[in-house]
Amino acid sequence: MISAKLRKPEYTARVIEWHADKGFGWLQFDEKRLFLHRRDFARFHHVPRVGEEIRFTWGLDAQRRPCAQNAVQVREVSDVSLLGLCVLAALLVLPVYAWQQMGWEIWKLAAYVCVLSWITYAAYASDKRKARKEAWRTPETYLHLLELAGGWPGAWVAQRRLRHKCSKTSYLFEFWLIICIHQFAAFDSLQHWKYSQMLKQALFEDHREARGRYRR
C-alpha cells in the first residue's frame, strides 16, 4: 500500500519520431516533444513505431532535462505473421488427423479446440494486464494446464499477438514440451499406442529392478 501511494503518476503519449539505429526518439506530450531512450523502457518488447502509444512516468535525464521513464508500450500487440500461421497449421495436421481416425467428428474437434484456445488466449491477456498493473499474476502452471488440455493453439497466437510469455526460456521450454506431447500422442495413437506401451514396459522393468536392489 505504501509503495502504491508513492508511485509516480503515469501519462500516455504517442511516438512521433524514433531512430532504431540509435535507440531513442521523441513523444508528443501536449505541445512538447519529450525524449525517450530505449534504456528507459520498463519492458521493451519491440521497436517503437510512429503513432504507437506509450505509457510513462515523468523524469529527468543526466543533464536534468525532462524525459520519459519507466515506459511501457501500451498495446504491445503484434500481427501474427503468415509464416507463423503456416507453422501453427502444420502442427495441427497430425493431431487433427489422429483424432479423426479415432472417430471424432471434425466439428466437435474444432469446437473443442476453439473453446480451449479462446480460454487460453483470454488467460494470457488477463495475465498481461495484471503484469502491467503489477497485480497478482496468473500461475504459470494454470496456463500450462490449459495448453495441455488442448488450448496450446490459443497460447501460440497469444504469445505472438500479445507478445506475452514469449521471452522466458524456461516457460517456452515447457510450452514446446507440451506441443511435443500432443504430437507424440497423436502419432502414437496412429500406431495403436505401440510406443506408449514400450515406454510403460521399460518404466515398469526399471521400477522392478530398483525394488529388487532395495530388497537386497
Protein backbone atom coordinates (compact mmCIF):
# COMPACT_ATOMS: atom_id res chain seq x y z
CA MET A 1 0.00 0.00 0.00
CA ILE A 2 2.83 2.38 0.83
CA SER A 3 4.60 1.75 -2.49
CA ALA A 4 1.34 2.37 -4.36
CA LYS A 5 0.94 5.74 -2.67
CA LEU A 6 4.50 6.76 -3.53
CA ARG A 7 4.23 5.65 -7.15
CA LYS A 8 4.68 8.44 -9.67
CA PRO A 9 1.68 9.46 -11.79
CA GLU A 10 1.60 7.90 -15.24
CA TYR A 11 0.95 9.63 -18.57
CA THR A 12 0.40 8.48 -22.13
CA ALA A 13 1.74 9.95 -25.37
CA ARG A 14 2.39 8.83 -28.92
CA VAL A 15 5.70 8.29 -30.65
CA ILE A 16 6.33 10.99 -33.27
CA GLU A 17 9.90 10.05 -34.11
CA TRP A 18 12.08 7.01 -33.45
CA HIS A 19 15.65 6.20 -34.52
CA ALA A 20 16.00 2.43 -34.27
CA ASP A 21 19.73 2.51 -35.03
CA LYS A 22 20.36 4.90 -32.13
CA GLY A 23 17.73 3.54 -29.75
CA PHE A 24 15.92 6.78 -28.94
CA GLY A 25 13.15 9.05 -30.13
CA TRP A 26 10.51 11.57 -29.09
CA LEU A 27 6.95 11.52 -27.83
CA GLN A 28 4.34 14.19 -28.45
CA PHE A 29 3.17 15.23 -24.97
CA ASP A 30 0.70 18.12 -25.08
CA GLU A 31 2.57 20.79 -27.08
CA LYS A 32 6.03 19.47 -26.23
CA ARG A 33 8.44 16.88 -27.60
CA LEU A 34 9.52 14.51 -24.84
CA PHE A 35 12.73 12.50 -25.17
CA LEU A 36 12.60 8.71 -24.73
CA HIS A 37 15.59 6.34 -24.73
CA ARG A 38 15.43 2.58 -25.11
CA ARG A 39 17.03 2.10 -21.68
CA ASP A 40 14.12 3.97 -20.07
CA PHE A 41 11.63 1.25 -21.01
CA ALA A 42 10.42 -0.79 -18.07
CA ARG A 43 9.64 -3.63 -20.52
CA PHE A 44 10.91 -3.46 -24.08
CA HIS A 45 9.07 -5.80 -26.47
CA HIS A 46 9.54 -4.43 -29.98
CA VAL A 47 10.93 -1.41 -31.80
CA PRO A 48 8.50 1.51 -31.26
CA ARG A 49 6.59 2.69 -34.31
CA VAL A 50 5.50 6.23 -35.13
CA GLY A 51 1.97 6.68 -33.80
CA GLU A 52 2.32 3.97 -31.17
CA GLU A 53 1.00 4.85 -27.71
CA ILE A 54 3.46 4.79 -24.79
CA ARG A 55 2.67 4.91 -21.07
CA PHE A 56 5.40 6.50 -18.92
CA THR A 57 6.31 8.50 -15.85
CA TRP A 58 7.89 11.95 -15.97
CA GLY A 59 11.62 12.06 -15.23
CA LEU A 60 14.89 13.88 -15.78
CA ASP A 61 17.95 12.67 -17.67
CA ALA A 62 21.59 13.07 -16.61
CA GLN A 63 21.57 16.71 -17.82
CA ARG A 64 18.38 17.38 -15.79
CA ARG A 65 16.27 17.61 -18.96
CA PRO A 66 12.68 16.30 -18.99
CA CYS A 67 12.35 12.79 -20.40
CA ALA A 68 10.04 9.77 -20.30
CA GLN A 69 10.96 6.95 -17.91
CA ASN A 70 9.50 3.56 -16.90
CA ALA A 71 7.96 3.45 -20.36
CA VAL A 72 5.64 0.65 -21.48
CA GLN A 73 4.27 0.03 -24.95
CA VAL A 74 0.56 0.26 -24.19
CA ARG A 75 -0.84 -2.11 -26.77
CA GLU A 76 2.23 -4.30 -27.16
CA VAL A 77 0.35 -6.07 -29.96
CA SER A 78 1.97 -7.58 -33.00
CA ASP A 79 0.31 -9.03 -36.07
CA VAL A 80 0.65 -12.78 -36.39
CA SER A 81 2.76 -13.41 -39.49
CA LEU A 82 1.73 -15.64 -42.37
CA LEU A 83 4.73 -17.85 -41.63
CA GLY A 84 3.61 -18.21 -38.02
CA LEU A 85 0.13 -19.25 -39.11
CA CYS A 86 1.62 -21.79 -41.53
CA VAL A 87 3.73 -23.31 -38.74
CA LEU A 88 0.65 -23.46 -36.48
CA ALA A 89 -1.37 -25.15 -39.23
CA ALA A 90 1.43 -27.68 -39.77
CA LEU A 91 1.48 -28.52 -36.06
CA LEU A 92 -2.28 -29.11 -36.14
CA VAL A 93 -2.24 -31.55 -39.07
CA LEU A 94 -1.12 -34.66 -37.17
CA PRO A 95 -3.37 -34.19 -34.10
CA VAL A 96 -6.43 -33.44 -36.26
CA TYR A 97 -5.79 -36.49 -38.44
CA ALA A 98 -5.28 -38.69 -35.38
CA TRP A 99 -8.49 -37.50 -33.75
CA GLN A 100 -10.38 -38.17 -36.96
CA GLN A 101 -9.02 -41.71 -37.07
CA MET A 102 -10.24 -42.21 -33.52
CA GLY A 103 -13.78 -41.42 -34.64
CA TRP A 104 -14.20 -37.80 -33.58
CA GLU A 105 -16.43 -35.69 -35.78
CA ILE A 106 -14.46 -32.77 -37.16
CA TRP A 107 -16.91 -30.11 -35.99
CA LYS A 108 -16.77 -31.41 -32.41
CA LEU A 109 -12.99 -31.39 -32.50
CA ALA A 110 -12.92 -27.87 -33.97
CA ALA A 111 -15.38 -26.62 -31.34
CA TYR A 112 -13.33 -28.15 -28.51
CA VAL A 113 -10.03 -26.71 -29.73
CA CYS A 114 -11.55 -23.28 -30.42
CA VAL A 115 -13.15 -23.05 -26.97
CA LEU A 116 -9.98 -24.16 -25.15
CA SER A 117 -7.85 -21.86 -27.30
CA TRP A 118 -10.13 -18.90 -26.60
CA ILE A 119 -9.98 -19.60 -22.84
CA THR A 120 -6.19 -19.88 -23.02
CA TYR A 121 -5.85 -16.68 -25.04
CA ALA A 122 -8.07 -14.88 -22.52
CA ALA A 123 -5.91 -16.18 -19.66
CA TYR A 124 -2.79 -14.85 -21.40
CA ALA A 125 -4.45 -11.46 -21.95
CA SER A 126 -5.58 -11.32 -18.33
CA ASP A 127 -2.10 -12.16 -17.07
CA LYS A 128 -0.62 -9.46 -19.28
CA ARG A 129 -2.99 -6.86 -17.84
CA LYS A 130 -2.02 -7.98 -14.34
CA ALA A 131 1.65 -7.65 -15.23
CA ARG A 132 1.12 -4.06 -16.38
CA LYS A 133 -0.67 -3.19 -13.15
CA GLU A 134 1.86 -5.14 -11.06
CA ALA A 135 -1.04 -7.15 -9.66
CA TRP A 136 -1.16 -10.77 -8.51
CA ARG A 137 -0.18 -12.86 -11.55
CA THR A 138 -1.84 -15.92 -13.06
CA PRO A 139 0.21 -19.01 -12.08
CA GLU A 140 2.22 -20.40 -14.96
CA THR A 141 1.05 -23.88 -14.00
CA TYR A 142 -2.54 -22.82 -14.75
CA LEU A 143 -1.55 -21.57 -18.21
CA HIS A 144 0.34 -24.79 -18.93
CA LEU A 145 -2.63 -26.90 -17.84
CA LEU A 146 -4.84 -25.04 -20.31
CA GLU A 147 -2.26 -25.66 -23.03
CA LEU A 148 -2.01 -29.33 -22.12
CA ALA A 149 -5.80 -29.68 -22.18
CA GLY A 150 -5.80 -28.58 -25.82
CA GLY A 151 -5.54 -24.80 -25.70
CA TRP A 152 -1.95 -24.61 -26.96
CA PRO A 153 -3.01 -23.13 -30.36
CA GLY A 154 -4.53 -20.19 -28.47
CA ALA A 155 -1.32 -19.85 -26.48
CA TRP A 156 0.67 -19.88 -29.73
CA VAL A 157 -1.35 -16.95 -31.07
CA ALA A 158 -1.31 -15.07 -27.74
CA GLN A 159 2.47 -15.27 -27.44
CA ARG A 160 2.87 -13.68 -30.83
CA ARG A 161 -0.02 -11.25 -30.89
CA LEU A 162 0.19 -10.05 -27.29
CA ARG A 163 3.96 -10.54 -27.03
CA HIS A 164 3.46 -12.26 -23.70
CA LYS A 165 5.37 -15.25 -22.31
CA CYS A 166 7.50 -15.20 -25.46
CA SER A 167 10.92 -14.43 -24.00
CA LYS A 168 11.17 -16.54 -20.83
CA THR A 169 13.26 -19.57 -21.77
CA SER A 170 12.01 -21.91 -19.03
CA TYR A 171 8.38 -21.14 -19.87
CA LEU A 172 8.91 -21.63 -23.59
CA PHE A 173 10.67 -24.94 -22.95
CA GLU A 174 7.63 -26.24 -21.06
CA PHE A 175 5.29 -24.83 -23.71
CA TRP A 176 7.14 -26.62 -26.52
CA LEU A 177 7.31 -29.77 -24.42
CA ILE A 178 3.50 -29.70 -24.24
CA ILE A 179 3.29 -29.34 -28.03
CA CYS A 180 5.67 -32.30 -28.41
CA ILE A 181 3.50 -34.35 -26.05
CA HIS A 182 0.46 -33.64 -28.24
CA GLN A 183 2.41 -34.54 -31.38
CA PHE A 184 3.72 -37.76 -29.83
CA ALA A 185 0.29 -38.78 -28.54
CA ALA A 186 -1.23 -38.17 -31.98
CA PHE A 187 1.49 -40.18 -33.74
CA ASP A 188 1.38 -42.99 -31.18
CA SER A 189 -2.40 -43.29 -31.45
CA LEU A 190 -1.98 -43.99 -35.16
CA GLN A 191 0.47 -46.76 -34.19
CA HIS A 192 -2.09 -48.28 -31.80
CA TRP A 193 -0.19 -46.87 -28.80
CA LYS A 194 2.81 -49.09 -29.50
CA TYR A 195 5.41 -46.63 -28.23
CA SER A 196 3.45 -45.77 -25.11
CA GLN A 197 3.27 -49.47 -24.25
CA MET A 198 7.02 -49.81 -24.81
CA LEU A 199 7.70 -46.82 -22.58
CA LYS A 200 5.35 -48.14 -19.91
CA GLN A 201 7.03 -51.55 -20.00
CA ALA A 202 10.50 -50.02 -19.76
CA LEU A 203 9.48 -47.92 -16.75
CA PHE A 204 7.88 -50.95 -15.11
CA GLU A 205 11.04 -53.03 -15.55
CA ASP A 206 13.21 -50.22 -14.15
CA HIS A 207 10.91 -49.95 -11.16
CA ARG A 208 11.01 -53.72 -10.60
CA GLU A 209 14.81 -53.75 -10.78
CA ALA A 210 15.03 -50.89 -8.34
CA ARG A 211 12.77 -52.70 -5.89
CA GLY A 212 14.92 -55.83 -6.27
CA ARG A 213 18.10 -53.90 -5.45
CA TYR A 214 16.40 -52.29 -2.48
CA ARG A 215 15.36 -55.66 -1.06
CA ARG A 216 18.91 -56.98 -1.38
